[in-house]
Amino acid sequence: MSDSEIMLSKEVEREVRLSQPTIWRMQKAGLFPRYFKLSPKKNAAHRSEIANWKRDPQGWAERNKAASQGAQNG
């Protein structure tokens, strides 16, 4: 995975114009792509996931919800 495929949390905040607490609340509710840990103090997201969310936030959330429910049931 190259550096261009990931975005640090600060870069995500600038890109989507949302604050860190707002993003965390949305992640908890399944409305925004979850971060993954790069190190104990660095969170990142996949650039493609952020781009997909930006194109269609509501559709992304609905697809994410359906996928997570399928994983829980199966």
Protein backbone atom coordinates (compact mmCIF):
# COMPACT_ATOMS: atom_id res chain seq x y z
CA MET A 1 0.00 0.00 0.00
CA SER A 2 1.49 3.32 -1.00
CA ASP A 3 1.20 6.52 0.98
CA SER A 4 -1.11 7.96 -1.68
CA GLU A 5 -3.70 5.26 -0.90
CA ILE A 6 -4.13 6.39 2.70
CA MET A 7 -5.07 9.64 4.38
CA LEU A 8 -4.13 10.61 7.93
CA SER A 9 -7.04 11.73 10.09
CA LYS A 10 -6.06 15.43 9.83
CA GLU A 11 -6.07 15.18 6.04
CA VAL A 12 -9.51 13.51 6.16
CA GLU A 13 -10.85 16.35 8.32
CA ARG A 14 -9.62 18.95 5.81
CA GLU A 15 -10.92 16.97 2.84
CA VAL A 16 -14.46 16.45 4.15
CA ARG A 17 -14.64 19.69 6.17
CA LEU A 18 -15.82 17.99 9.34
CA SER A 19 -14.34 18.21 12.83
CA GLN A 20 -12.65 15.27 14.53
CA PRO A 21 -15.49 14.82 17.09
CA THR A 22 -18.10 14.88 14.31
CA ILE A 23 -16.20 12.27 12.33
CA TRP A 24 -15.86 10.05 15.40
CA ARG A 25 -19.59 10.29 16.13
CA MET A 26 -20.39 9.47 12.52
CA GLN A 27 -17.98 6.51 12.55
CA LYS A 28 -19.62 5.16 15.70
CA ALA A 29 -23.03 5.43 14.02
CA GLY A 30 -21.76 3.71 10.86
CA LEU A 31 -22.18 6.87 8.78
CA PHE A 32 -18.51 7.45 7.91
CA PRO A 33 -15.57 5.17 7.00
CA ARG A 34 -13.69 3.91 10.05
CA TYR A 35 -10.08 4.80 10.68
CA PHE A 36 -7.39 2.19 11.15
CA LYS A 37 -4.24 2.52 13.26
CA LEU A 38 -0.91 3.30 11.61
CA SER A 39 0.76 3.69 15.00
CA PRO A 40 -0.45 4.28 18.56
CA LYS A 41 -1.02 7.98 17.83
CA LYS A 42 -1.80 7.96 14.10
CA ASN A 43 -5.16 7.08 12.57
CA ALA A 44 -5.76 6.82 8.84
CA ALA A 45 -8.43 5.97 6.30
CA HIS A 46 -8.33 4.49 2.84
CA ARG A 47 -8.44 7.29 0.28
CA SER A 48 -10.87 5.29 -1.87
CA GLU A 49 -13.32 4.91 1.04
CA ILE A 50 -13.29 8.67 1.69
CA ALA A 51 -13.81 9.34 -2.03
CA ASN A 52 -16.75 6.89 -2.11
CA TRP A 53 -18.27 8.54 0.96
CA LYS A 54 -17.87 12.03 -0.55
CA ARG A 55 -19.64 10.98 -3.77
CA ASP A 56 -22.67 9.62 -1.91
CA PRO A 57 -22.63 9.89 1.92
CA GLN A 58 -26.14 8.54 2.41
CA GLY A 59 -25.68 5.72 -0.07
CA TRP A 60 -22.33 4.82 1.50
CA ALA A 61 -23.96 4.61 4.94
CA GLU A 62 -26.79 2.43 3.62
CA ARG A 63 -24.35 0.07 1.85
CA ASN A 64 -22.15 -0.06 4.96
CA LYS A 65 -25.14 -0.85 7.18
CA ALA A 66 -26.32 -3.62 4.87
CA ALA A 67 -22.81 -5.12 4.68
CA SER A 68 -22.32 -5.07 8.44
CA GLN A 69 -25.71 -6.66 9.07
CA GLY A 70 -24.89 -9.38 6.57
CA ALA A 71 -21.59 -10.07 8.31
CA GLN A 72 -23.31 -10.32 11.70
CA ASN A 73 -25.94 -12.74 10.38
CA GLY A 74 -23.62 -14.99 8.48
